[in-house]
Amino acid sequence: MEKLIAIVDDEPDILELVSLHLRKSGFRTKEFVNGKDFMGFISKEKPDLIILDLMLPDSNGVEICKKIRFDNVTKNIPVIMLTAKTEEIDVILGLELGADDYITKPFSPKELVARVKAVLRRTNASETHDVLRIGGILEIDPQKYLVKVNNRKINLTTTEFKILKILAEKKGWVFSRDKLLDILWGDEKFVLDRTIDVHIKNLREKLGEAGIFVKNVRGVGYKIEE
């Protein structure tokens, strides 16, 4: 079945534009002009990805993102922020709240579709099915999309999971920010270098005591080392 994309934006022209190009690319879409209707929808149906405007007439997209991430039913749904705010601090805030990617207005519809496809690819089942174990306390199961620290399940966004998996599969190897961006986004790389730093920061915090395995090699990049 075609992937379902939920689009939340109070501008009808933006909704129509985004929906049109996503449908042309083989997706199903559901459009919402306010947060209330959207939250009612995801309480009953689970989309494959959410495109969320940060500025809505009845609610704040940041708060909606928080609710999505704290709800056990919706916490793993990928979120792409769509915002007119171009300041880096707003982008970083959204990523810290658990968004998987962002795109600023005005935007290219082709770029947006490329971002959607890139995030969904990271959400799909991984090629590697072996459980990865680090330091006797960290377990990463790519097939089940599951991370545990001392047998306690850790909830990660799709991008955080992918970064952890990349580092864990090549334990001891150092990956530069550019290399990680290339692996994650490939030719669809439209993001800030600092994006990786934010995802790593969130990853370490969520891993708790296992966060110590994610090392920063100053001036080079990141690696996992026991």
N, C-alpha and C. Protein backbone atom coordinates (compact mmCIF):
# COMPACT_ATOMS: atom_id res chain seq x y z
N MET A 1 0.84 -1.19 0.00
CA MET A 1 0.00 0.00 0.00
C MET A 1 0.88 1.25 0.00
N GLU A 2 0.39 2.29 -0.68
CA GLU A 2 1.15 3.54 -0.74
C GLU A 2 1.32 4.13 0.66
N LYS A 3 2.45 4.74 0.89
CA LYS A 3 2.73 5.39 2.17
C LYS A 3 1.81 6.59 2.35
N LEU A 4 1.32 6.77 3.60
CA LEU A 4 0.43 7.89 3.91
C LEU A 4 1.21 9.01 4.58
N ILE A 5 1.16 10.19 3.98
CA ILE A 5 1.84 11.37 4.52
C ILE A 5 0.80 12.35 5.05
N ALA A 6 0.92 12.72 6.33
CA ALA A 6 0.04 13.74 6.91
C ALA A 6 0.73 15.10 6.80
N ILE A 7 0.01 16.08 6.26
CA ILE A 7 0.57 17.42 6.07
C ILE A 7 -0.22 18.40 6.92
N VAL A 8 0.47 19.14 7.79
CA VAL A 8 -0.19 20.09 8.69
C VAL A 8 0.35 21.49 8.41
N ASP A 9 -0.49 22.34 7.83
CA ASP A 9 -0.10 23.71 7.50
C ASP A 9 -1.36 24.54 7.34
N ASP A 10 -1.33 25.78 7.84
CA ASP A 10 -2.53 26.60 7.79
C ASP A 10 -2.66 27.39 6.48
N GLU A 11 -1.71 27.22 5.57
CA GLU A 11 -1.78 27.91 4.28
C GLU A 11 -2.30 26.95 3.21
N PRO A 12 -3.53 27.17 2.70
CA PRO A 12 -4.12 26.26 1.71
C PRO A 12 -3.24 26.06 0.48
N ASP A 13 -2.56 27.12 0.03
CA ASP A 13 -1.70 26.99 -1.15
C ASP A 13 -0.55 26.03 -0.90
N ILE A 14 0.02 26.11 0.32
CA ILE A 14 1.12 25.21 0.66
C ILE A 14 0.62 23.77 0.74
N LEU A 15 -0.53 23.58 1.39
CA LEU A 15 -1.11 22.24 1.48
C LEU A 15 -1.33 21.64 0.10
N GLU A 16 -1.90 22.43 -0.79
CA GLU A 16 -2.20 21.95 -2.13
C GLU A 16 -0.92 21.61 -2.90
N LEU A 17 0.07 22.49 -2.78
CA LEU A 17 1.33 22.29 -3.49
C LEU A 17 2.04 21.02 -3.01
N VAL A 18 2.18 20.88 -1.69
CA VAL A 18 2.87 19.73 -1.13
C VAL A 18 2.14 18.44 -1.45
N SER A 19 0.82 18.46 -1.26
CA SER A 19 0.01 17.27 -1.51
C SER A 19 0.08 16.85 -2.97
N LEU A 20 0.01 17.81 -3.87
CA LEU A 20 0.05 17.52 -5.31
C LEU A 20 1.34 16.80 -5.68
N HIS A 21 2.46 17.32 -5.23
CA HIS A 21 3.75 16.73 -5.61
C HIS A 21 3.99 15.38 -4.93
N LEU A 22 3.50 15.22 -3.72
CA LEU A 22 3.64 13.92 -3.06
C LEU A 22 2.78 12.86 -3.75
N ARG A 23 1.57 13.24 -4.14
CA ARG A 23 0.70 12.28 -4.85
C ARG A 23 1.29 11.91 -6.20
N LYS A 24 1.89 12.87 -6.87
CA LYS A 24 2.55 12.59 -8.15
C LYS A 24 3.70 11.59 -7.98
N SER A 25 4.27 11.57 -6.78
CA SER A 25 5.39 10.68 -6.50
C SER A 25 4.94 9.35 -5.90
N GLY A 26 3.63 9.12 -5.88
CA GLY A 26 3.11 7.82 -5.45
C GLY A 26 2.69 7.70 -4.01
N PHE A 27 2.60 8.83 -3.30
CA PHE A 27 2.18 8.80 -1.90
C PHE A 27 0.69 9.11 -1.78
N ARG A 28 0.09 8.66 -0.71
CA ARG A 28 -1.24 9.14 -0.31
C ARG A 28 -1.03 10.30 0.65
N THR A 29 -1.96 11.23 0.69
CA THR A 29 -1.81 12.38 1.59
C THR A 29 -3.10 12.66 2.35
N LYS A 30 -2.94 13.27 3.51
CA LYS A 30 -4.06 13.75 4.32
C LYS A 30 -3.67 15.13 4.82
N GLU A 31 -4.53 16.13 4.54
CA GLU A 31 -4.16 17.51 4.83
C GLU A 31 -4.93 18.06 6.03
N PHE A 32 -4.26 18.92 6.80
CA PHE A 32 -4.87 19.55 7.97
C PHE A 32 -4.42 21.01 8.06
N VAL A 33 -5.36 21.89 8.39
CA VAL A 33 -5.06 23.32 8.49
C VAL A 33 -4.87 23.77 9.93
N ASN A 34 -5.07 22.86 10.89
CA ASN A 34 -4.87 23.23 12.30
C ASN A 34 -4.44 22.01 13.11
N GLY A 35 -3.91 22.27 14.28
CA GLY A 35 -3.40 21.21 15.12
C GLY A 35 -4.47 20.33 15.72
N LYS A 36 -5.62 20.91 16.05
CA LYS A 36 -6.69 20.15 16.69
C LYS A 36 -7.16 19.01 15.80
N ASP A 37 -7.46 19.31 14.55
CA ASP A 37 -7.94 18.27 13.63
C ASP A 37 -6.87 17.21 13.41
N PHE A 38 -5.63 17.65 13.31
CA PHE A 38 -4.54 16.70 13.09
C PHE A 38 -4.39 15.76 14.28
N MET A 39 -4.40 16.29 15.51
CA MET A 39 -4.24 15.45 16.69
C MET A 39 -5.40 14.47 16.82
N GLY A 40 -6.59 14.90 16.42
CA GLY A 40 -7.73 13.99 16.41
C GLY A 40 -7.52 12.85 15.44
N PHE A 41 -6.92 13.18 14.30
CA PHE A 41 -6.66 12.17 13.26
C PHE A 41 -5.66 11.12 13.72
N ILE A 42 -4.50 11.56 14.28
CA ILE A 42 -3.48 10.56 14.63
C ILE A 42 -3.85 9.76 15.87
N SER A 43 -4.90 10.16 16.57
CA SER A 43 -5.38 9.33 17.68
C SER A 43 -6.13 8.11 17.15
N LYS A 44 -6.49 8.17 15.86
CA LYS A 44 -7.25 7.06 15.25
C LYS A 44 -6.50 6.36 14.13
N GLU A 45 -5.64 7.09 13.43
CA GLU A 45 -4.91 6.54 12.30
C GLU A 45 -3.46 6.98 12.36
N LYS A 46 -2.56 6.07 11.96
CA LYS A 46 -1.12 6.34 12.06
C LYS A 46 -0.51 6.54 10.67
N PRO A 47 -0.13 7.77 10.34
CA PRO A 47 0.52 8.01 9.05
C PRO A 47 1.95 7.47 9.04
N ASP A 48 2.52 7.34 7.86
CA ASP A 48 3.90 6.85 7.75
C ASP A 48 4.91 7.97 7.98
N LEU A 49 4.48 9.21 7.79
CA LEU A 49 5.36 10.36 7.99
C LEU A 49 4.49 11.61 8.16
N ILE A 50 5.01 12.57 8.92
CA ILE A 50 4.27 13.82 9.19
C ILE A 50 5.11 15.00 8.71
N ILE A 51 4.49 15.87 7.92
CA ILE A 51 5.10 17.15 7.56
C ILE A 51 4.38 18.20 8.39
N LEU A 52 5.11 18.85 9.29
CA LEU A 52 4.49 19.69 10.32
C LEU A 52 5.00 21.12 10.27
N ASP A 53 4.09 22.06 10.04
CA ASP A 53 4.43 23.48 10.10
C ASP A 53 4.57 23.88 11.58
N LEU A 54 5.57 24.68 11.89
CA LEU A 54 5.77 25.08 13.29
C LEU A 54 4.82 26.18 13.74
N MET A 55 4.28 26.96 12.80
CA MET A 55 3.39 28.06 13.16
C MET A 55 1.98 27.76 12.69
N LEU A 56 1.09 27.39 13.62
CA LEU A 56 -0.29 27.06 13.31
C LEU A 56 -1.23 28.02 14.05
N PRO A 57 -2.44 28.23 13.54
CA PRO A 57 -3.34 29.21 14.14
C PRO A 57 -3.82 28.85 15.54
N ASP A 58 -3.96 27.56 15.83
CA ASP A 58 -4.54 27.16 17.11
C ASP A 58 -3.54 26.48 18.04
N SER A 59 -2.33 26.25 17.57
CA SER A 59 -1.34 25.55 18.40
C SER A 59 0.06 25.78 17.85
N ASN A 60 1.03 25.39 18.65
CA ASN A 60 2.42 25.53 18.29
C ASN A 60 2.94 24.19 17.78
N GLY A 61 3.56 24.20 16.60
CA GLY A 61 4.09 22.96 16.05
C GLY A 61 5.11 22.30 16.95
N VAL A 62 5.84 23.09 17.72
CA VAL A 62 6.81 22.56 18.67
C VAL A 62 6.11 21.70 19.71
N GLU A 63 4.99 22.21 20.24
CA GLU A 63 4.23 21.45 21.24
C GLU A 63 3.63 20.18 20.64
N ILE A 64 3.18 20.27 19.40
CA ILE A 64 2.64 19.08 18.72
C ILE A 64 3.73 18.02 18.56
N CYS A 65 4.92 18.47 18.19
CA CYS A 65 6.05 17.55 18.04
C CYS A 65 6.36 16.86 19.36
N LYS A 66 6.30 17.61 20.46
CA LYS A 66 6.52 17.03 21.78
C LYS A 66 5.49 15.93 22.07
N LYS A 67 4.22 16.24 21.80
CA LYS A 67 3.15 15.28 22.07
C LYS A 67 3.33 14.01 21.24
N ILE A 68 3.74 14.18 19.99
CA ILE A 68 3.97 13.03 19.11
C ILE A 68 5.06 12.13 19.70
N ARG A 69 6.13 12.75 20.17
CA ARG A 69 7.27 11.98 20.67
C ARG A 69 7.02 11.35 22.04
N PHE A 70 6.09 11.89 22.82
CA PHE A 70 5.82 11.34 24.15
C PHE A 70 4.67 10.34 24.16
N ASP A 71 4.03 10.15 23.02
CA ASP A 71 2.92 9.20 22.91
C ASP A 71 3.46 7.87 22.38
N ASN A 72 3.21 6.79 23.10
CA ASN A 72 3.73 5.48 22.70
C ASN A 72 3.24 5.04 21.33
N VAL A 73 2.07 5.51 20.93
CA VAL A 73 1.51 5.10 19.64
C VAL A 73 2.18 5.83 18.48
N THR A 74 2.56 7.09 18.71
CA THR A 74 3.05 7.93 17.61
C THR A 74 4.55 8.25 17.68
N LYS A 75 5.22 7.84 18.74
CA LYS A 75 6.59 8.31 18.99
C LYS A 75 7.59 7.95 17.90
N ASN A 76 7.31 6.88 17.13
CA ASN A 76 8.27 6.46 16.10
C ASN A 76 7.92 6.98 14.70
N ILE A 77 6.87 7.78 14.59
CA ILE A 77 6.52 8.32 13.27
C ILE A 77 7.52 9.41 12.89
N PRO A 78 8.14 9.32 11.72
CA PRO A 78 9.08 10.37 11.30
C PRO A 78 8.38 11.72 11.14
N VAL A 79 9.07 12.79 11.53
CA VAL A 79 8.52 14.14 11.43
C VAL A 79 9.49 15.04 10.66
N ILE A 80 8.97 15.72 9.64
CA ILE A 80 9.73 16.74 8.93
C ILE A 80 9.09 18.08 9.24
N MET A 81 9.86 19.01 9.79
CA MET A 81 9.34 20.33 10.10
C MET A 81 9.31 21.19 8.84
N LEU A 82 8.22 21.89 8.67
CA LEU A 82 8.08 22.84 7.57
C LEU A 82 7.87 24.20 8.21
N THR A 83 8.81 25.11 7.99
CA THR A 83 8.73 26.37 8.73
C THR A 83 9.24 27.55 7.91
N ALA A 84 8.67 28.71 8.18
CA ALA A 84 9.12 29.94 7.54
C ALA A 84 10.31 30.52 8.29
N LYS A 85 10.59 29.99 9.47
CA LYS A 85 11.71 30.48 10.27
C LYS A 85 13.02 29.97 9.68
N THR A 86 13.94 30.87 9.41
CA THR A 86 15.20 30.46 8.81
C THR A 86 16.37 30.49 9.79
N GLU A 87 16.13 31.02 10.99
CA GLU A 87 17.21 31.09 11.97
C GLU A 87 17.64 29.69 12.40
N GLU A 88 18.94 29.49 12.50
CA GLU A 88 19.47 28.18 12.84
C GLU A 88 18.95 27.69 14.18
N ILE A 89 18.76 28.61 15.14
CA ILE A 89 18.33 28.20 16.48
C ILE A 89 16.95 27.54 16.45
N ASP A 90 16.06 27.99 15.56
CA ASP A 90 14.74 27.38 15.46
C ASP A 90 14.83 25.97 14.88
N VAL A 91 15.71 25.80 13.91
CA VAL A 91 15.93 24.48 13.33
C VAL A 91 16.49 23.53 14.38
N ILE A 92 17.49 23.99 15.13
CA ILE A 92 18.10 23.15 16.17
C ILE A 92 17.08 22.77 17.24
N LEU A 93 16.23 23.72 17.63
CA LEU A 93 15.20 23.44 18.62
C LEU A 93 14.29 22.32 18.15
N GLY A 94 13.86 22.40 16.91
CA GLY A 94 12.98 21.36 16.37
C GLY A 94 13.65 20.00 16.36
N LEU A 95 14.91 19.95 15.97
CA LEU A 95 15.64 18.69 15.95
C LEU A 95 15.81 18.14 17.36
N GLU A 96 16.04 19.02 18.32
CA GLU A 96 16.19 18.57 19.71
C GLU A 96 14.89 17.99 20.25
N LEU A 97 13.78 18.42 19.71
CA LEU A 97 12.49 17.89 20.14
C LEU A 97 12.18 16.55 19.50
N GLY A 98 13.03 16.12 18.56
CA GLY A 98 12.84 14.80 17.97
C GLY A 98 12.43 14.79 16.52
N ALA A 99 12.41 15.96 15.86
CA ALA A 99 12.12 15.97 14.43
C ALA A 99 13.26 15.28 13.69
N ASP A 100 12.94 14.62 12.58
CA ASP A 100 13.94 13.88 11.82
C ASP A 100 14.62 14.75 10.76
N ASP A 101 13.94 15.78 10.32
CA ASP A 101 14.49 16.65 9.30
C ASP A 101 13.69 17.95 9.30
N TYR A 102 14.13 18.90 8.51
CA TYR A 102 13.44 20.19 8.43
C TYR A 102 13.60 20.75 7.03
N ILE A 103 12.68 21.62 6.64
CA ILE A 103 12.79 22.34 5.38
C ILE A 103 12.15 23.71 5.58
N THR A 104 12.79 24.75 5.07
CA THR A 104 12.30 26.11 5.29
C THR A 104 11.59 26.66 4.06
N LYS A 105 10.59 27.49 4.33
CA LYS A 105 9.86 28.18 3.26
C LYS A 105 10.64 29.44 2.86
N PRO A 106 10.64 29.80 1.58
CA PRO A 106 10.08 29.05 0.45
C PRO A 106 10.94 27.84 0.11
N PHE A 107 10.34 26.82 -0.47
CA PHE A 107 11.07 25.59 -0.73
C PHE A 107 10.74 25.06 -2.12
N SER A 108 11.60 24.19 -2.60
CA SER A 108 11.37 23.50 -3.87
C SER A 108 10.55 22.25 -3.60
N PRO A 109 9.40 22.06 -4.27
CA PRO A 109 8.61 20.85 -4.07
C PRO A 109 9.42 19.58 -4.32
N LYS A 110 10.32 19.63 -5.31
CA LYS A 110 11.15 18.45 -5.59
C LYS A 110 12.08 18.15 -4.42
N GLU A 111 12.59 19.22 -3.80
CA GLU A 111 13.44 19.03 -2.63
C GLU A 111 12.66 18.40 -1.50
N LEU A 112 11.44 18.88 -1.27
CA LEU A 112 10.62 18.34 -0.19
C LEU A 112 10.33 16.86 -0.42
N VAL A 113 9.96 16.50 -1.65
CA VAL A 113 9.70 15.08 -1.96
C VAL A 113 10.96 14.25 -1.73
N ALA A 114 12.12 14.80 -2.10
CA ALA A 114 13.39 14.09 -1.90
C ALA A 114 13.65 13.87 -0.42
N ARG A 115 13.34 14.88 0.39
CA ARG A 115 13.53 14.75 1.85
C ARG A 115 12.62 13.66 2.41
N VAL A 116 11.36 13.66 1.97
CA VAL A 116 10.40 12.64 2.43
C VAL A 116 10.92 11.24 2.11
N LYS A 117 11.38 11.05 0.89
CA LYS A 117 11.89 9.74 0.48
C LYS A 117 13.11 9.34 1.28
N ALA A 118 14.00 10.32 1.55
CA ALA A 118 15.22 10.04 2.30
C ALA A 118 14.90 9.61 3.73
N VAL A 119 13.97 10.32 4.38
CA VAL A 119 13.60 9.96 5.76
C VAL A 119 12.91 8.60 5.80
N LEU A 120 12.04 8.32 4.84
CA LEU A 120 11.36 7.02 4.81
C LEU A 120 12.33 5.89 4.56
N ARG A 121 13.36 6.13 3.75
CA ARG A 121 14.36 5.09 3.52
C ARG A 121 15.07 4.74 4.82
N ARG A 122 15.32 5.75 5.63
CA ARG A 122 15.99 5.50 6.92
C ARG A 122 15.07 4.77 7.89
N THR A 123 13.77 4.85 7.65
CA THR A 123 12.80 4.21 8.53
C THR A 123 12.61 2.75 8.16
N ASN A 124 12.86 2.43 6.90
CA ASN A 124 12.65 1.06 6.41
C ASN A 124 13.60 0.09 7.09
N ALA A 125 13.25 -1.18 7.01
CA ALA A 125 14.07 -2.23 7.63
C ALA A 125 15.49 -2.17 7.10
N SER A 126 16.43 -2.33 8.00
CA SER A 126 17.84 -2.25 7.63
C SER A 126 18.31 -3.51 6.92
N GLU A 127 19.41 -3.37 6.16
CA GLU A 127 19.98 -4.51 5.46
C GLU A 127 20.61 -5.49 6.45
N THR A 128 21.12 -4.98 7.56
CA THR A 128 21.81 -5.82 8.54
C THR A 128 20.82 -6.31 9.59
N HIS A 129 20.83 -7.63 9.84
CA HIS A 129 19.87 -8.19 10.79
C HIS A 129 20.52 -8.68 12.08
N ASP A 130 21.86 -8.71 12.14
CA ASP A 130 22.53 -9.16 13.35
C ASP A 130 22.37 -8.13 14.46
N VAL A 131 22.16 -8.61 15.67
CA VAL A 131 22.08 -7.71 16.82
C VAL A 131 23.49 -7.23 17.14
N LEU A 132 23.65 -5.92 17.27
CA LEU A 132 24.94 -5.32 17.58
C LEU A 132 25.02 -5.07 19.07
N ARG A 133 26.15 -5.47 19.69
CA ARG A 133 26.30 -5.32 21.13
C ARG A 133 27.57 -4.52 21.43
N ILE A 134 27.41 -3.53 22.31
CA ILE A 134 28.52 -2.65 22.66
C ILE A 134 28.67 -2.62 24.18
N GLY A 135 29.87 -2.92 24.64
CA GLY A 135 30.21 -2.76 26.05
C GLY A 135 29.40 -3.58 27.02
N GLY A 136 28.72 -4.59 26.55
CA GLY A 136 27.96 -5.47 27.43
C GLY A 136 26.64 -4.91 27.92
N ILE A 137 26.33 -3.63 27.60
CA ILE A 137 25.08 -3.04 28.08
C ILE A 137 24.20 -2.47 26.96
N LEU A 138 24.81 -2.21 25.79
CA LEU A 138 24.08 -1.59 24.69
C LEU A 138 23.79 -2.62 23.61
N GLU A 139 22.51 -2.78 23.24
CA GLU A 139 22.10 -3.70 22.18
C GLU A 139 21.34 -2.94 21.10
N ILE A 140 21.68 -3.21 19.85
CA ILE A 140 21.02 -2.57 18.71
C ILE A 140 20.53 -3.68 17.78
N ASP A 141 19.23 -3.77 17.60
CA ASP A 141 18.64 -4.78 16.71
C ASP A 141 18.08 -4.07 15.48
N PRO A 142 18.83 -4.05 14.35
CA PRO A 142 18.38 -3.34 13.16
C PRO A 142 17.08 -3.88 12.56
N GLN A 143 16.85 -5.18 12.67
CA GLN A 143 15.66 -5.77 12.09
C GLN A 143 14.40 -5.35 12.84
N LYS A 144 14.50 -5.34 14.15
CA LYS A 144 13.34 -4.95 14.96
C LYS A 144 13.30 -3.45 15.25
N TYR A 145 14.34 -2.74 14.78
CA TYR A 145 14.44 -1.30 15.02
C TYR A 145 14.37 -1.03 16.52
N LEU A 146 15.21 -1.75 17.26
CA LEU A 146 15.13 -1.75 18.72
C LEU A 146 16.51 -1.47 19.32
N VAL A 147 16.53 -0.60 20.33
CA VAL A 147 17.75 -0.30 21.07
C VAL A 147 17.48 -0.50 22.55
N LYS A 148 18.39 -1.21 23.23
CA LYS A 148 18.25 -1.43 24.66
C LYS A 148 19.55 -1.10 25.37
N VAL A 149 19.42 -0.51 26.55
CA VAL A 149 20.55 -0.30 27.45
C VAL A 149 20.22 -1.01 28.75
N ASN A 150 21.05 -2.03 29.09
CA ASN A 150 20.77 -2.86 30.27
C ASN A 150 19.34 -3.41 30.23
N ASN A 151 18.94 -3.88 29.04
CA ASN A 151 17.62 -4.48 28.78
C ASN A 151 16.46 -3.50 28.88
N ARG A 152 16.78 -2.21 28.99
CA ARG A 152 15.73 -1.19 29.00
C ARG A 152 15.61 -0.57 27.61
N LYS A 153 14.41 -0.59 27.05
CA LYS A 153 14.19 -0.10 25.70
C LYS A 153 14.40 1.42 25.63
N ILE A 154 15.11 1.86 24.61
CA ILE A 154 15.40 3.28 24.40
C ILE A 154 14.68 3.73 23.13
N ASN A 155 13.93 4.81 23.24
CA ASN A 155 13.19 5.32 22.09
C ASN A 155 14.01 6.35 21.34
N LEU A 156 14.33 6.05 20.08
CA LEU A 156 15.11 6.95 19.24
C LEU A 156 14.31 7.36 18.01
N THR A 157 14.62 8.52 17.45
CA THR A 157 14.04 8.89 16.16
C THR A 157 14.73 8.06 15.08
N THR A 158 14.17 8.07 13.87
CA THR A 158 14.76 7.29 12.79
C THR A 158 16.19 7.72 12.49
N THR A 159 16.44 9.03 12.52
CA THR A 159 17.77 9.53 12.23
C THR A 159 18.76 9.15 13.33
N GLU A 160 18.34 9.28 14.59
CA GLU A 160 19.21 8.89 15.70
C GLU A 160 19.56 7.41 15.62
N PHE A 161 18.57 6.59 15.30
CA PHE A 161 18.80 5.14 15.19
C PHE A 161 19.80 4.85 14.08
N LYS A 162 19.62 5.51 12.94
CA LYS A 162 20.49 5.27 11.79
C LYS A 162 21.93 5.66 12.11
N ILE A 163 22.12 6.81 12.77
CA ILE A 163 23.47 7.24 13.14
C ILE A 163 24.11 6.23 14.08
N LEU A 164 23.35 5.78 15.09
CA LEU A 164 23.87 4.80 16.05
C LEU A 164 24.27 3.51 15.34
N LYS A 165 23.44 3.08 14.42
CA LYS A 165 23.72 1.84 13.68
C LYS A 165 24.97 1.98 12.81
N ILE A 166 25.10 3.11 12.13
CA ILE A 166 26.27 3.36 11.29
C ILE A 166 27.56 3.27 12.12
N LEU A 167 27.56 3.94 13.27
CA LEU A 167 28.74 3.95 14.13
C LEU A 167 29.01 2.57 14.72
N ALA A 168 27.95 1.87 15.14
CA ALA A 168 28.11 0.57 15.80
C ALA A 168 28.59 -0.52 14.85
N GLU A 169 28.18 -0.42 13.59
CA GLU A 169 28.59 -1.43 12.61
C GLU A 169 30.08 -1.34 12.29
N LYS A 170 30.67 -0.17 12.48
CA LYS A 170 32.10 0.02 12.23
C LYS A 170 32.76 0.52 13.51
N LYS A 171 32.64 -0.29 14.53
CA LYS A 171 33.14 0.11 15.86
C LYS A 171 34.61 0.52 15.78
N GLY A 172 34.91 1.70 16.31
CA GLY A 172 36.27 2.20 16.30
C GLY A 172 36.60 3.09 15.12
N TRP A 173 35.79 3.00 14.05
CA TRP A 173 35.99 3.86 12.89
C TRP A 173 35.49 5.26 13.19
N VAL A 174 36.20 6.25 12.68
CA VAL A 174 35.78 7.64 12.86
C VAL A 174 35.04 8.11 11.61
N PHE A 175 33.83 8.61 11.80
CA PHE A 175 33.02 9.15 10.70
C PHE A 175 32.96 10.67 10.84
N SER A 176 33.36 11.36 9.80
CA SER A 176 33.26 12.82 9.80
C SER A 176 31.79 13.22 9.69
N ARG A 177 31.49 14.47 10.01
CA ARG A 177 30.12 14.97 9.86
C ARG A 177 29.68 14.87 8.41
N ASP A 178 30.57 15.23 7.49
CA ASP A 178 30.21 15.16 6.07
C ASP A 178 29.92 13.74 5.64
N LYS A 179 30.70 12.79 6.15
CA LYS A 179 30.48 11.38 5.78
C LYS A 179 29.12 10.90 6.29
N LEU A 180 28.79 11.25 7.53
CA LEU A 180 27.49 10.87 8.07
C LEU A 180 26.35 11.51 7.28
N LEU A 181 26.52 12.79 6.92
CA LEU A 181 25.51 13.47 6.11
C LEU A 181 25.35 12.78 4.76
N ASP A 182 26.46 12.37 4.16
CA ASP A 182 26.41 11.69 2.87
C ASP A 182 25.66 10.36 2.98
N ILE A 183 25.94 9.60 4.03
CA ILE A 183 25.29 8.30 4.21
C ILE A 183 23.80 8.48 4.46
N LEU A 184 23.45 9.46 5.27
CA LEU A 184 22.05 9.66 5.65
C LEU A 184 21.22 10.29 4.54
N TRP A 185 21.79 11.28 3.87
CA TRP A 185 21.01 12.05 2.89
C TRP A 185 21.48 11.89 1.46
N GLY A 186 22.72 11.44 1.25
CA GLY A 186 23.24 11.26 -0.10
C GLY A 186 23.16 12.53 -0.92
N ASP A 187 22.66 12.39 -2.15
CA ASP A 187 22.54 13.55 -3.04
C ASP A 187 21.48 14.53 -2.58
N GLU A 188 20.66 14.11 -1.60
CA GLU A 188 19.59 14.96 -1.11
C GLU A 188 20.02 15.71 0.14
N LYS A 189 21.32 16.00 0.24
CA LYS A 189 21.88 16.64 1.43
C LYS A 189 21.67 18.15 1.35
N PHE A 190 20.68 18.65 2.10
CA PHE A 190 20.39 20.08 2.12
C PHE A 190 20.51 20.63 3.54
N VAL A 191 21.18 19.89 4.42
CA VAL A 191 21.10 20.21 5.83
C VAL A 191 22.36 20.88 6.36
N LEU A 192 22.24 21.46 7.54
CA LEU A 192 23.38 22.10 8.19
C LEU A 192 24.32 21.05 8.76
N ASP A 193 25.63 21.34 8.72
CA ASP A 193 26.60 20.42 9.32
C ASP A 193 26.27 20.20 10.80
N ARG A 194 25.76 21.25 11.46
CA ARG A 194 25.50 21.15 12.89
C ARG A 194 24.34 20.19 13.19
N THR A 195 23.58 19.84 12.18
CA THR A 195 22.50 18.87 12.38
C THR A 195 23.01 17.59 13.02
N ILE A 196 24.15 17.09 12.55
CA ILE A 196 24.72 15.86 13.10
C ILE A 196 25.05 16.04 14.58
N ASP A 197 25.62 17.18 14.94
CA ASP A 197 25.96 17.44 16.34
C ASP A 197 24.73 17.37 17.25
N VAL A 198 23.62 17.92 16.76
CA VAL A 198 22.38 17.91 17.56
C VAL A 198 21.87 16.49 17.74
N HIS A 199 21.88 15.71 16.65
CA HIS A 199 21.42 14.32 16.75
C HIS A 199 22.32 13.50 17.68
N ILE A 200 23.62 13.73 17.62
CA ILE A 200 24.55 13.02 18.51
C ILE A 200 24.29 13.40 19.97
N LYS A 201 24.06 14.69 20.21
CA LYS A 201 23.76 15.16 21.58
C LYS A 201 22.51 14.46 22.11
N ASN A 202 21.45 14.43 21.28
CA ASN A 202 20.21 13.77 21.71
C ASN A 202 20.44 12.28 21.95
N LEU A 203 21.22 11.67 21.06
CA LEU A 203 21.50 10.24 21.16
C LEU A 203 22.21 9.90 22.47
N ARG A 204 23.23 10.66 22.80
CA ARG A 204 23.96 10.42 24.05
C ARG A 204 23.05 10.54 25.26
N GLU A 205 22.21 11.57 25.26
CA GLU A 205 21.31 11.78 26.40
C GLU A 205 20.34 10.62 26.55
N LYS A 206 19.80 10.15 25.44
CA LYS A 206 18.83 9.05 25.51
C LYS A 206 19.48 7.72 25.91
N LEU A 207 20.74 7.52 25.51
CA LEU A 207 21.43 6.28 25.84
C LEU A 207 21.87 6.23 27.30
N GLY A 208 21.86 7.37 27.98
CA GLY A 208 22.23 7.39 29.40
C GLY A 208 23.66 6.93 29.62
N GLU A 209 23.84 5.91 30.47
CA GLU A 209 25.19 5.45 30.78
C GLU A 209 25.91 4.89 29.56
N ALA A 210 25.16 4.43 28.55
CA ALA A 210 25.78 3.90 27.34
C ALA A 210 26.21 5.02 26.39
N GLY A 211 25.81 6.25 26.68
CA GLY A 211 26.18 7.38 25.84
C GLY A 211 27.67 7.61 25.81
N ILE A 212 28.38 7.08 26.81
CA ILE A 212 29.83 7.26 26.88
C ILE A 212 30.55 6.56 25.73
N PHE A 213 29.88 5.57 25.11
CA PHE A 213 30.49 4.85 24.00
C PHE A 213 30.56 5.70 22.72
N VAL A 214 29.72 6.73 22.63
CA VAL A 214 29.72 7.60 21.46
C VAL A 214 30.75 8.69 21.69
N LYS A 215 31.87 8.58 20.99
CA LYS A 215 33.01 9.46 21.22
C LYS A 215 33.10 10.57 20.17
N ASN A 216 33.52 11.74 20.61
CA ASN A 216 33.79 12.87 19.72
C ASN A 216 35.30 12.94 19.49
N VAL A 217 35.72 12.80 18.23
CA VAL A 217 37.13 12.96 17.89
C VAL A 217 37.30 14.40 17.42
N ARG A 218 37.84 15.23 18.24
CA ARG A 218 37.88 16.67 18.00
C ARG A 218 38.46 17.01 16.63
N GLY A 219 37.71 17.83 15.89
CA GLY A 219 38.14 18.28 14.59
C GLY A 219 37.98 17.25 13.48
N VAL A 220 37.49 16.05 13.84
CA VAL A 220 37.34 14.99 12.82
C VAL A 220 35.90 14.53 12.71
N GLY A 221 35.35 13.98 13.79
CA GLY A 221 33.98 13.48 13.72
C GLY A 221 33.62 12.63 14.92
N TYR A 222 32.92 11.51 14.68
CA TYR A 222 32.41 10.67 15.77
C TYR A 222 32.69 9.20 15.52
N LYS A 223 32.76 8.45 16.63
CA LYS A 223 32.93 7.01 16.53
C LYS A 223 32.29 6.36 17.75
N ILE A 224 32.13 5.04 17.69
CA ILE A 224 31.71 4.27 18.86
C ILE A 224 32.90 3.43 19.29
N GLU A 225 33.19 3.48 20.57
CA GLU A 225 34.33 2.75 21.11
C GLU A 225 34.00 2.33 22.54
N GLU A 226 34.29 1.09 22.85
CA GLU A 226 34.01 0.59 24.20
C GLU A 226 35.07 1.09 25.16
